[in-house]
Amino acid sequence: MKTVAVLQSNYIPWKGYFDIIHDVDLFIFYDDVQYTKNDWRNRNKIKTSKGTQWLTIPIGSHNEQLICEVELTNKQWGKKHYTSLQANYSKAPYFKRYNEFLQYVYLEKMWESLSDLNQYLIKTISLDFLGIKTEFKDSREFSLQGNKLDRLLMLLEHAKTDNYISGPSAKDYIEEKYFIERKINLYYKDYPNYPEYQQLHPPFDHYVSILDTLFNAGNDSPYFIWGWKESLIL
């Protein structure tokens, strides 16, 4: 049985995104779809002493482009994001552990594509920092046609999917009967009541970037995403 999830790449997404990745055998980045403005593609939140703060990558107007077509022409954002992360997390117990990685992403590498940046961040955090074993692919590796739901179903068939885990927002357009016809089991991700870790600047906020979890929990980060659920079963 093969379990698959399909999602657009987001910028340093929250821990729930990585919970979905951990749930599946294959995770497919779905970046050859319409870019959506004021969404999670180019921004996310961090914790500060004054509450949450947005880290936003400036990309201009891309109303008619696919996510994978969005270019990063502003070269100053990386230094600004690194400075913000350093200012707000340098006192976190595990910030130094990830500092070399942060310097590469924000100060050394010149990213040309939003999709390339997001996918690199997500894969590196998943595989190297969270120890997730999931396989990653890109929807551009497949030949897809049709409307929104048709393309998704074609993608799942190409991926030889038995089980499909969807984000809850997809309920707006997904029709379960088409999955039943193709003998694909459809599940919607239920984000549980994640346990709290020792977070800088209380009160605790779950809906911030995964970087907050890594900086504050280090190697224990997987426990606060999925490990606690596994311990309840034992």
Protein backbone atom coordinates (compact mmCIF):
# COMPACT_ATOMS: atom_id res chain seq x y z
CA MET A 1 0.00 0.00 0.00
CA LYS A 2 1.40 3.36 -1.05
CA THR A 3 0.38 6.59 0.69
CA VAL A 4 0.86 9.90 -1.11
CA ALA A 5 0.39 13.59 -0.34
CA VAL A 6 0.41 16.41 -2.89
CA LEU A 7 0.94 20.02 -1.79
CA GLN A 8 2.30 23.30 -3.10
CA SER A 9 5.67 24.22 -1.68
CA ASN A 10 5.52 26.79 1.11
CA TYR A 11 8.21 29.01 2.59
CA ILE A 12 9.62 27.56 5.86
CA PRO A 13 6.17 26.06 6.65
CA TRP A 14 4.74 25.26 10.07
CA LYS A 15 5.16 21.86 11.75
CA GLY A 16 1.82 20.53 10.45
CA TYR A 17 3.23 20.55 6.91
CA PHE A 18 6.02 18.24 8.04
CA ASP A 19 3.52 16.08 9.90
CA ILE A 20 1.86 15.35 6.54
CA ILE A 21 5.23 14.58 4.94
CA HIS A 22 5.97 12.11 7.73
CA ASP A 23 2.57 10.43 7.20
CA VAL A 24 3.27 9.38 3.61
CA ASP A 25 5.58 7.24 1.51
CA LEU A 26 5.74 9.77 -1.32
CA PHE A 27 5.35 13.54 -1.12
CA ILE A 28 4.79 15.38 -4.40
CA PHE A 29 5.42 19.11 -4.72
CA TYR A 30 2.58 20.58 -6.76
CA ASP A 31 4.21 23.76 -8.04
CA ASP A 32 2.98 23.78 -11.65
CA VAL A 33 -0.27 25.40 -10.52
CA GLN A 34 -1.35 29.02 -10.17
CA TYR A 35 0.65 31.16 -7.75
CA THR A 36 -1.61 32.66 -5.08
CA LYS A 37 -0.86 36.08 -3.63
CA ASN A 38 -0.85 36.71 0.14
CA ASP A 39 -0.54 32.99 0.81
CA TRP A 40 2.11 30.73 2.38
CA ARG A 41 4.18 30.37 -0.81
CA ASN A 42 6.49 33.30 -0.04
CA ARG A 43 5.95 34.07 3.64
CA ASN A 44 5.62 32.64 7.13
CA LYS A 45 5.61 33.72 10.76
CA ILE A 46 8.24 33.68 13.50
CA LYS A 47 7.99 34.48 17.20
CA THR A 48 9.35 37.75 18.60
CA SER A 49 9.19 39.50 21.97
CA LYS A 50 6.38 41.62 20.51
CA GLY A 51 4.32 38.74 19.13
CA THR A 52 4.48 37.09 15.72
CA GLN A 53 6.26 38.68 12.78
CA TRP A 54 5.95 37.92 9.08
CA LEU A 55 9.02 36.98 7.07
CA THR A 56 8.00 37.78 3.51
CA ILE A 57 10.03 37.25 0.34
CA PRO A 58 9.34 40.18 -2.02
CA ILE A 59 8.37 38.85 -5.43
CA GLY A 60 6.30 41.61 -7.03
CA SER A 61 3.20 40.84 -9.09
CA HIS A 62 2.84 37.26 -10.35
CA ASN A 63 -0.91 37.00 -10.80
CA GLU A 64 -0.66 35.12 -14.11
CA GLN A 65 2.24 32.81 -13.25
CA LEU A 66 2.59 29.30 -11.93
CA ILE A 67 4.43 28.84 -8.63
CA CYS A 68 7.35 27.22 -10.44
CA GLU A 69 7.63 30.28 -12.74
CA VAL A 70 8.03 32.85 -9.95
CA GLU A 71 11.54 34.32 -10.05
CA LEU A 72 13.35 35.94 -7.14
CA THR A 73 14.72 39.17 -8.55
CA ASN A 74 15.14 41.00 -5.23
CA LYS A 75 18.53 39.98 -3.83
CA GLN A 76 18.30 41.78 -0.47
CA TRP A 77 15.59 39.70 1.23
CA GLY A 78 17.94 36.90 2.36
CA LYS A 79 20.10 39.13 4.54
CA LYS A 80 16.99 40.72 6.07
CA HIS A 81 15.46 37.35 6.92
CA TYR A 82 18.69 36.05 8.41
CA THR A 83 19.05 39.20 10.52
CA SER A 84 15.47 38.79 11.80
CA LEU A 85 16.02 35.13 12.66
CA GLN A 86 19.28 35.89 14.42
CA ALA A 87 17.81 38.82 16.38
CA ASN A 88 14.82 36.82 17.61
CA TYR A 89 16.31 33.33 18.07
CA SER A 90 20.00 33.73 18.90
CA LYS A 91 19.17 32.94 22.55
CA ALA A 92 17.20 29.82 21.65
CA PRO A 93 19.02 26.68 22.86
CA TYR A 94 19.60 25.16 19.40
CA PHE A 95 19.96 28.19 17.14
CA LYS A 96 23.72 27.70 16.72
CA ARG A 97 23.19 24.11 15.55
CA TYR A 98 21.41 25.36 12.43
CA ASN A 99 23.35 28.58 11.89
CA GLU A 100 25.62 27.20 9.15
CA PHE A 101 22.55 26.03 7.24
CA LEU A 102 20.89 29.44 7.68
CA GLN A 103 23.97 31.26 6.45
CA TYR A 104 24.09 29.12 3.32
CA VAL A 105 20.40 29.65 2.53
CA TYR A 106 20.22 33.36 3.33
CA LEU A 107 23.70 34.78 2.83
CA GLU A 108 25.60 32.56 0.40
CA LYS A 109 23.20 30.98 -2.11
CA MET A 110 21.59 33.26 -4.68
CA TRP A 111 18.14 31.75 -5.33
CA GLU A 112 16.59 32.41 -8.73
CA SER A 113 13.30 30.54 -8.20
CA LEU A 114 10.80 30.60 -5.34
CA SER A 115 9.94 26.95 -5.96
CA ASP A 116 13.59 25.88 -5.89
CA LEU A 117 14.13 27.71 -2.59
CA ASN A 118 11.01 26.30 -0.93
CA GLN A 119 11.64 22.75 -2.07
CA TYR A 120 15.26 22.85 -0.93
CA LEU A 121 14.27 24.13 2.52
CA ILE A 122 11.50 21.56 2.95
CA LYS A 123 13.55 18.58 1.77
CA THR A 124 16.62 19.53 3.82
CA ILE A 125 14.62 20.11 6.99
CA SER A 126 12.68 16.87 6.46
CA LEU A 127 15.59 14.58 5.63
CA ASP A 128 18.53 16.09 7.48
CA PHE A 129 16.98 17.71 10.55
CA LEU A 130 13.81 15.70 11.24
CA GLY A 131 15.00 12.30 10.01
CA ILE A 132 11.97 11.74 7.77
CA LYS A 133 12.38 8.89 5.25
CA THR A 134 9.69 10.01 2.78
CA GLU A 135 10.48 10.10 -0.95
CA PHE A 136 10.06 13.45 -2.72
CA LYS A 137 8.98 14.15 -6.29
CA ASP A 138 7.80 17.13 -8.32
CA SER A 139 4.54 17.15 -10.28
CA ARG A 140 6.48 18.45 -13.29
CA GLU A 141 7.98 14.97 -13.57
CA PHE A 142 4.56 13.73 -14.74
CA SER A 143 2.48 14.49 -17.83
CA LEU A 144 -0.74 16.06 -16.56
CA GLN A 145 -3.81 17.51 -18.27
CA GLY A 146 -7.32 18.64 -17.44
CA ASN A 147 -8.88 20.81 -14.77
CA LYS A 148 -7.93 21.06 -11.11
CA LEU A 149 -9.38 17.75 -9.92
CA ASP A 150 -8.61 15.88 -13.15
CA ARG A 151 -4.94 16.84 -12.93
CA LEU A 152 -4.75 15.70 -9.32
CA LEU A 153 -6.39 12.35 -10.08
CA MET A 154 -4.08 11.81 -13.06
CA LEU A 155 -1.09 12.61 -10.86
CA LEU A 156 -2.19 10.09 -8.24
CA GLU A 157 -2.71 7.42 -10.88
CA HIS A 158 0.78 8.04 -12.31
CA ALA A 159 2.17 7.76 -8.78
CA LYS A 160 0.35 4.42 -8.31
CA THR A 161 -1.35 5.65 -5.16
CA ASP A 162 -3.42 3.48 -2.82
CA ASN A 163 -4.02 6.10 -0.14
CA TYR A 164 -4.15 9.87 -0.61
CA ILE A 165 -3.80 12.27 2.32
CA SER A 166 -5.15 15.73 1.52
CA GLY A 167 -4.91 19.00 3.35
CA PRO A 168 -8.28 19.99 4.90
CA SER A 169 -8.74 23.04 2.63
CA ALA A 170 -9.07 20.78 -0.44
CA LYS A 171 -12.55 19.75 0.71
CA ASP A 172 -13.81 22.76 -1.27
CA TYR A 173 -13.17 21.09 -4.62
CA ILE A 174 -12.55 17.38 -4.05
CA GLU A 175 -15.38 14.97 -4.89
CA GLU A 176 -14.88 11.66 -3.13
CA LYS A 177 -16.77 9.61 -5.74
CA TYR A 178 -13.92 10.02 -8.23
CA PHE A 179 -11.47 8.54 -5.73
CA ILE A 180 -13.81 5.63 -5.04
CA GLU A 181 -14.03 4.93 -8.79
CA ARG A 182 -10.24 4.72 -8.95
CA LYS A 183 -9.98 2.68 -5.74
CA ILE A 184 -7.95 5.37 -4.00
CA ASN A 185 -8.63 5.79 -0.29
CA LEU A 186 -9.09 9.47 0.52
CA TYR A 187 -8.10 10.88 3.92
CA TYR A 188 -8.08 14.46 5.17
CA LYS A 189 -5.26 15.48 7.45
CA ASP A 190 -6.44 16.23 10.95
CA TYR A 191 -4.01 18.54 12.72
CA PRO A 192 -4.03 17.36 16.33
CA ASN A 193 -3.45 19.24 19.56
CA TYR A 194 0.32 19.27 19.31
CA PRO A 195 2.16 19.37 22.63
CA GLU A 196 3.91 22.59 23.56
CA TYR A 197 7.68 22.90 23.85
CA GLN A 198 9.66 25.58 25.65
CA GLN A 199 9.15 28.50 23.27
CA LEU A 200 10.78 31.88 23.53
CA HIS A 201 8.47 34.84 24.13
CA PRO A 202 5.25 33.34 25.57
CA PRO A 203 2.34 32.83 25.17
CA PHE A 204 2.84 29.73 23.06
CA ASP A 205 1.90 29.89 19.38
CA HIS A 206 1.65 26.70 17.28
CA TYR A 207 1.19 28.49 13.96
CA VAL A 208 4.72 29.66 13.28
CA SER A 209 7.53 28.38 11.06
CA ILE A 210 9.15 24.98 11.67
CA LEU A 211 12.32 26.95 12.37
CA ASP A 212 10.82 27.94 15.72
CA THR A 213 10.47 24.24 16.62
CA LEU A 214 14.01 23.41 15.52
CA PHE A 215 15.61 26.34 17.34
CA ASN A 216 13.80 25.55 20.59
CA ALA A 217 13.56 21.74 20.54
CA GLY A 218 16.52 20.60 18.43
CA ASN A 219 16.72 16.82 18.07
CA ASP A 220 13.48 16.49 20.04
CA SER A 221 11.52 18.32 17.32
CA PRO A 222 10.06 15.10 15.81
CA TYR A 223 8.49 14.27 19.18
CA PHE A 224 6.54 17.54 19.16
CA ILE A 225 5.26 16.89 15.62
CA TRP A 226 4.43 13.17 15.45
CA GLY A 227 6.44 11.30 18.08
CA TRP A 228 4.06 12.11 20.92
CA LYS A 229 1.20 10.40 19.04
CA GLU A 230 3.28 7.24 18.59
CA SER A 231 4.10 7.19 22.30
CA LEU A 232 0.37 7.23 23.13
CA ILE A 233 -0.13 4.05 21.12
CA LEU A 234 2.67 2.14 22.87
